Amino acid sequence: MEAKSRQTDIKMTARKLRRVINEVRGKSVIKAQDMLRFMPYFAARVVEKNLKAAVANAQEQFGVGPENLKISEIFADESVTYKRARTRAQGRMYSRLKRTSHLTLKVSDSAK
């Protein structure tokens, strides 16, 4: 049994998300929530919110509590990049890339 949660077009680079998700990959849900709560990164709040959604999906679909779940799969992919311009001296423009990403998180029964 596997429950999934997906968040798209997060206004953050996938690299910043991967810094956080590499720490919680494969951990139990309770331990991952404790780790995310005390991480100083904004990406930790995003991952924590997504983890809560996946746990809620597991409870709704299969009736399994968070103490029996672990993170089976978690990854961040790059999404669209918004191209913006910044004005500079003497009429020049510098390009500015605003990157976004997708986050996918799957939790499964830890009895496996």
N, C-alpha and C. Protein backbone atom coordinates (compact mmCIF):
# COMPACT_ATOMS: atom_id res chain seq x y z
N MET A 1 0.84 -1.17 0.00
CA MET A 1 0.00 0.00 0.00
C MET A 1 0.88 1.23 0.00
N GLU A 2 0.50 2.16 -0.82
CA GLU A 2 1.33 3.36 -0.99
C GLU A 2 0.42 4.56 -1.20
N ALA A 3 0.70 5.63 -0.47
CA ALA A 3 -0.04 6.88 -0.62
C ALA A 3 0.93 7.94 -1.14
N LYS A 4 0.41 8.86 -1.93
CA LYS A 4 1.26 9.81 -2.64
C LYS A 4 0.75 11.23 -2.45
N SER A 5 1.69 12.17 -2.49
CA SER A 5 1.35 13.59 -2.45
C SER A 5 2.29 14.31 -3.41
N ARG A 6 1.74 15.26 -4.16
CA ARG A 6 2.54 15.95 -5.16
C ARG A 6 2.23 17.45 -5.11
N GLN A 7 3.27 18.25 -5.15
CA GLN A 7 3.10 19.71 -5.18
C GLN A 7 3.86 20.22 -6.40
N THR A 8 3.20 21.04 -7.19
CA THR A 8 3.81 21.51 -8.42
C THR A 8 4.08 23.01 -8.37
N ASP A 9 5.01 23.42 -9.19
CA ASP A 9 5.37 24.83 -9.37
C ASP A 9 5.69 25.54 -8.05
N ILE A 10 6.57 24.94 -7.27
CA ILE A 10 7.05 25.55 -6.04
C ILE A 10 8.06 26.61 -6.43
N LYS A 11 7.94 27.81 -5.89
CA LYS A 11 8.85 28.89 -6.27
C LYS A 11 10.16 28.77 -5.52
N MET A 12 10.88 27.70 -5.85
CA MET A 12 12.15 27.40 -5.22
C MET A 12 12.90 26.45 -6.15
N THR A 13 14.20 26.55 -6.16
CA THR A 13 14.97 25.67 -7.04
C THR A 13 14.93 24.24 -6.51
N ALA A 14 15.05 23.29 -7.41
CA ALA A 14 15.05 21.88 -7.03
C ALA A 14 16.29 21.57 -6.20
N ARG A 15 17.35 22.28 -6.41
CA ARG A 15 18.59 22.05 -5.66
C ARG A 15 18.41 22.35 -4.17
N LYS A 16 17.67 23.40 -3.85
CA LYS A 16 17.41 23.74 -2.45
C LYS A 16 16.49 22.72 -1.80
N LEU A 17 15.54 22.19 -2.58
CA LEU A 17 14.66 21.15 -2.05
C LEU A 17 15.43 19.86 -1.82
N ARG A 18 16.32 19.52 -2.73
CA ARG A 18 17.06 18.26 -2.61
C ARG A 18 17.96 18.23 -1.38
N ARG A 19 18.43 19.40 -0.96
CA ARG A 19 19.26 19.48 0.24
C ARG A 19 18.48 18.97 1.45
N VAL A 20 17.18 19.20 1.48
CA VAL A 20 16.34 18.76 2.59
C VAL A 20 15.86 17.33 2.40
N ILE A 21 15.41 16.99 1.20
CA ILE A 21 14.81 15.67 1.01
C ILE A 21 15.83 14.55 1.10
N ASN A 22 17.09 14.83 0.84
CA ASN A 22 18.12 13.80 0.99
C ASN A 22 18.29 13.39 2.44
N GLU A 23 17.95 14.27 3.37
CA GLU A 23 18.08 13.95 4.79
C GLU A 23 16.95 13.06 5.29
N VAL A 24 15.76 13.18 4.72
CA VAL A 24 14.61 12.44 5.23
C VAL A 24 14.25 11.21 4.40
N ARG A 25 14.93 10.99 3.33
CA ARG A 25 14.61 9.85 2.45
C ARG A 25 14.82 8.53 3.20
N GLY A 26 13.78 7.67 3.18
CA GLY A 26 13.87 6.36 3.81
C GLY A 26 13.56 6.33 5.29
N LYS A 27 13.33 7.46 5.91
CA LYS A 27 13.07 7.53 7.35
C LYS A 27 11.59 7.25 7.63
N SER A 28 11.30 6.94 8.88
CA SER A 28 9.90 6.79 9.28
C SER A 28 9.27 8.18 9.32
N VAL A 29 7.95 8.22 9.21
CA VAL A 29 7.24 9.50 9.12
C VAL A 29 7.41 10.32 10.40
N ILE A 30 7.34 9.68 11.55
CA ILE A 30 7.47 10.39 12.82
C ILE A 30 8.86 11.02 12.94
N LYS A 31 9.89 10.26 12.61
CA LYS A 31 11.26 10.77 12.68
C LYS A 31 11.49 11.89 11.66
N ALA A 32 10.93 11.73 10.47
CA ALA A 32 11.08 12.75 9.43
C ALA A 32 10.39 14.05 9.84
N GLN A 33 9.22 13.96 10.45
CA GLN A 33 8.52 15.17 10.91
C GLN A 33 9.33 15.90 11.96
N ASP A 34 9.95 15.15 12.88
CA ASP A 34 10.79 15.77 13.90
C ASP A 34 12.00 16.46 13.27
N MET A 35 12.62 15.81 12.30
CA MET A 35 13.78 16.40 11.63
C MET A 35 13.40 17.67 10.89
N LEU A 36 12.29 17.63 10.17
CA LEU A 36 11.87 18.78 9.36
C LEU A 36 11.48 19.96 10.23
N ARG A 37 10.90 19.69 11.38
CA ARG A 37 10.44 20.76 12.25
C ARG A 37 11.61 21.63 12.73
N PHE A 38 12.79 21.04 12.88
CA PHE A 38 13.92 21.78 13.42
C PHE A 38 14.97 22.17 12.39
N MET A 39 14.71 21.91 11.12
CA MET A 39 15.63 22.36 10.07
C MET A 39 15.45 23.85 9.82
N PRO A 40 16.54 24.59 9.61
CA PRO A 40 16.42 26.04 9.44
C PRO A 40 16.07 26.50 8.03
N TYR A 41 15.78 25.58 7.11
CA TYR A 41 15.55 25.95 5.72
C TYR A 41 14.06 26.14 5.44
N PHE A 42 13.73 27.06 4.54
CA PHE A 42 12.35 27.24 4.12
C PHE A 42 11.85 26.00 3.37
N ALA A 43 12.75 25.31 2.69
CA ALA A 43 12.37 24.10 1.97
C ALA A 43 11.85 23.03 2.92
N ALA A 44 12.28 23.05 4.17
CA ALA A 44 11.80 22.09 5.16
C ALA A 44 10.32 22.29 5.43
N ARG A 45 9.85 23.53 5.42
CA ARG A 45 8.42 23.80 5.62
C ARG A 45 7.61 23.23 4.45
N VAL A 46 8.14 23.36 3.24
CA VAL A 46 7.45 22.86 2.05
C VAL A 46 7.35 21.34 2.09
N VAL A 47 8.46 20.68 2.44
CA VAL A 47 8.48 19.22 2.50
C VAL A 47 7.59 18.73 3.64
N GLU A 48 7.59 19.43 4.76
CA GLU A 48 6.76 19.04 5.91
C GLU A 48 5.28 19.10 5.56
N LYS A 49 4.89 20.14 4.86
CA LYS A 49 3.50 20.29 4.43
C LYS A 49 3.10 19.14 3.49
N ASN A 50 4.00 18.80 2.57
CA ASN A 50 3.74 17.72 1.63
C ASN A 50 3.67 16.37 2.34
N LEU A 51 4.51 16.18 3.35
CA LEU A 51 4.51 14.94 4.12
C LEU A 51 3.19 14.78 4.88
N LYS A 52 2.69 15.87 5.46
CA LYS A 52 1.40 15.82 6.16
C LYS A 52 0.28 15.44 5.21
N ALA A 53 0.34 15.94 3.98
CA ALA A 53 -0.68 15.62 2.98
C ALA A 53 -0.62 14.14 2.61
N ALA A 54 0.58 13.60 2.46
CA ALA A 54 0.72 12.19 2.11
C ALA A 54 0.22 11.29 3.23
N VAL A 55 0.49 11.67 4.48
CA VAL A 55 0.02 10.89 5.63
C VAL A 55 -1.50 10.95 5.70
N ALA A 56 -2.08 12.12 5.45
CA ALA A 56 -3.53 12.25 5.44
C ALA A 56 -4.15 11.40 4.34
N ASN A 57 -3.50 11.33 3.19
CA ASN A 57 -3.98 10.48 2.10
C ASN A 57 -3.95 9.01 2.50
N ALA A 58 -2.89 8.60 3.20
CA ALA A 58 -2.77 7.21 3.65
C ALA A 58 -3.85 6.88 4.68
N GLN A 59 -4.12 7.81 5.58
CA GLN A 59 -5.16 7.57 6.58
C GLN A 59 -6.54 7.48 5.93
N GLU A 60 -6.79 8.33 4.98
CA GLU A 60 -8.10 8.36 4.32
C GLU A 60 -8.32 7.13 3.43
N GLN A 61 -7.30 6.75 2.68
CA GLN A 61 -7.46 5.66 1.72
C GLN A 61 -7.33 4.28 2.36
N PHE A 62 -6.38 4.14 3.30
CA PHE A 62 -6.06 2.81 3.82
C PHE A 62 -6.27 2.66 5.33
N GLY A 63 -6.52 3.76 6.03
CA GLY A 63 -6.73 3.70 7.47
C GLY A 63 -5.47 3.39 8.26
N VAL A 64 -4.32 3.79 7.75
CA VAL A 64 -3.04 3.52 8.40
C VAL A 64 -2.56 4.79 9.10
N GLY A 65 -2.12 4.67 10.35
CA GLY A 65 -1.63 5.83 11.10
C GLY A 65 -0.19 6.17 10.74
N PRO A 66 0.26 7.37 11.12
CA PRO A 66 1.62 7.80 10.75
C PRO A 66 2.73 6.98 11.42
N GLU A 67 2.42 6.33 12.54
CA GLU A 67 3.46 5.53 13.21
C GLU A 67 3.82 4.28 12.43
N ASN A 68 2.97 3.86 11.49
CA ASN A 68 3.23 2.67 10.68
C ASN A 68 3.75 2.99 9.29
N LEU A 69 4.03 4.25 9.00
CA LEU A 69 4.43 4.66 7.66
C LEU A 69 5.89 5.07 7.61
N LYS A 70 6.48 4.91 6.44
CA LYS A 70 7.82 5.45 6.18
C LYS A 70 7.84 6.06 4.80
N ILE A 71 8.80 6.94 4.58
CA ILE A 71 8.94 7.61 3.28
C ILE A 71 9.62 6.62 2.34
N SER A 72 8.87 6.16 1.35
CA SER A 72 9.43 5.17 0.43
C SER A 72 10.09 5.82 -0.78
N GLU A 73 9.55 6.96 -1.19
CA GLU A 73 10.11 7.63 -2.37
C GLU A 73 9.87 9.13 -2.23
N ILE A 74 10.90 9.91 -2.50
CA ILE A 74 10.76 11.36 -2.47
C ILE A 74 11.77 11.95 -3.46
N PHE A 75 11.28 12.85 -4.31
CA PHE A 75 12.20 13.47 -5.27
C PHE A 75 11.67 14.83 -5.70
N ALA A 76 12.58 15.67 -6.16
CA ALA A 76 12.26 17.01 -6.66
C ALA A 76 12.74 17.12 -8.09
N ASP A 77 11.85 17.58 -8.95
CA ASP A 77 12.17 17.78 -10.36
C ASP A 77 12.11 19.26 -10.69
N GLU A 78 12.85 19.64 -11.72
CA GLU A 78 12.79 21.03 -12.17
C GLU A 78 11.50 21.26 -12.94
N SER A 79 10.98 22.45 -12.81
CA SER A 79 9.76 22.84 -13.51
C SER A 79 10.12 23.97 -14.46
N VAL A 80 9.13 24.78 -14.82
CA VAL A 80 9.39 25.88 -15.74
C VAL A 80 10.32 26.91 -15.10
N THR A 81 11.05 27.61 -15.93
CA THR A 81 11.91 28.70 -15.47
C THR A 81 11.35 29.99 -16.03
N TYR A 82 11.02 30.91 -15.15
CA TYR A 82 10.51 32.22 -15.58
C TYR A 82 11.68 33.12 -15.89
N LYS A 83 11.65 33.72 -17.07
CA LYS A 83 12.73 34.60 -17.49
C LYS A 83 12.31 36.04 -17.25
N ARG A 84 13.09 36.72 -16.43
CA ARG A 84 12.82 38.11 -16.10
C ARG A 84 14.06 38.93 -16.44
N ALA A 85 13.91 40.25 -16.44
CA ALA A 85 15.04 41.12 -16.79
C ALA A 85 15.28 42.11 -15.66
N ARG A 86 16.52 42.44 -15.46
CA ARG A 86 16.89 43.44 -14.47
C ARG A 86 17.61 44.57 -15.20
N THR A 87 17.15 45.77 -15.00
CA THR A 87 17.78 46.90 -15.68
C THR A 87 19.12 47.21 -15.01
N ARG A 88 20.07 47.59 -15.85
CA ARG A 88 21.41 47.93 -15.37
C ARG A 88 21.82 49.27 -15.96
N ALA A 89 23.02 49.67 -15.68
CA ALA A 89 23.51 50.97 -16.10
C ALA A 89 23.62 51.06 -17.63
N GLN A 90 23.48 52.25 -18.14
CA GLN A 90 23.66 52.58 -19.55
C GLN A 90 22.70 51.82 -20.45
N GLY A 91 21.48 51.58 -19.97
CA GLY A 91 20.44 50.98 -20.79
C GLY A 91 20.56 49.49 -21.01
N ARG A 92 21.41 48.84 -20.27
CA ARG A 92 21.57 47.40 -20.45
C ARG A 92 20.54 46.64 -19.62
N MET A 93 20.32 45.39 -20.01
CA MET A 93 19.42 44.50 -19.26
C MET A 93 20.18 43.22 -18.96
N TYR A 94 20.08 42.77 -17.73
CA TYR A 94 20.64 41.47 -17.35
C TYR A 94 19.48 40.51 -17.19
N SER A 95 19.66 39.29 -17.67
CA SER A 95 18.58 38.32 -17.54
C SER A 95 18.59 37.72 -16.15
N ARG A 96 17.42 37.38 -15.68
CA ARG A 96 17.26 36.82 -14.35
C ARG A 96 16.37 35.60 -14.50
N LEU A 97 16.82 34.45 -14.01
CA LEU A 97 16.07 33.21 -14.13
C LEU A 97 15.43 32.88 -12.79
N LYS A 98 14.11 32.78 -12.78
CA LYS A 98 13.39 32.41 -11.56
C LYS A 98 12.95 30.96 -11.73
N ARG A 99 13.64 30.08 -11.06
CA ARG A 99 13.41 28.64 -11.23
C ARG A 99 12.31 28.14 -10.30
N THR A 100 11.57 27.14 -10.77
CA THR A 100 10.54 26.50 -9.96
C THR A 100 10.75 24.99 -10.01
N SER A 101 10.03 24.28 -9.15
CA SER A 101 10.24 22.84 -9.09
C SER A 101 8.96 22.12 -8.69
N HIS A 102 8.97 20.80 -8.89
CA HIS A 102 7.88 19.90 -8.48
C HIS A 102 8.42 18.98 -7.40
N LEU A 103 7.59 18.68 -6.40
CA LEU A 103 7.97 17.78 -5.32
C LEU A 103 6.98 16.62 -5.29
N THR A 104 7.50 15.40 -5.30
CA THR A 104 6.68 14.20 -5.21
C THR A 104 7.14 13.39 -4.01
N LEU A 105 6.17 12.96 -3.18
CA LEU A 105 6.48 12.22 -1.97
C LEU A 105 5.54 11.04 -1.86
N LYS A 106 6.08 9.85 -1.61
CA LYS A 106 5.27 8.64 -1.45
C LYS A 106 5.59 8.02 -0.11
N VAL A 107 4.56 7.65 0.63
CA VAL A 107 4.75 6.94 1.90
C VAL A 107 4.15 5.55 1.74
N SER A 108 4.77 4.58 2.42
CA SER A 108 4.28 3.22 2.35
C SER A 108 4.32 2.60 3.74
N ASP A 109 3.66 1.47 3.85
CA ASP A 109 3.60 0.74 5.11
C ASP A 109 5.01 0.23 5.43
N SER A 110 5.48 0.48 6.65
CA SER A 110 6.85 0.10 7.01
C SER A 110 6.98 -1.37 7.36
N ALA A 111 5.88 -2.12 7.32
CA ALA A 111 5.93 -3.56 7.62
C ALA A 111 6.66 -4.34 6.53
N LYS A 112 6.79 -3.76 5.34
CA LYS A 112 7.44 -4.44 4.22
C LYS A 112 8.91 -4.63 4.49
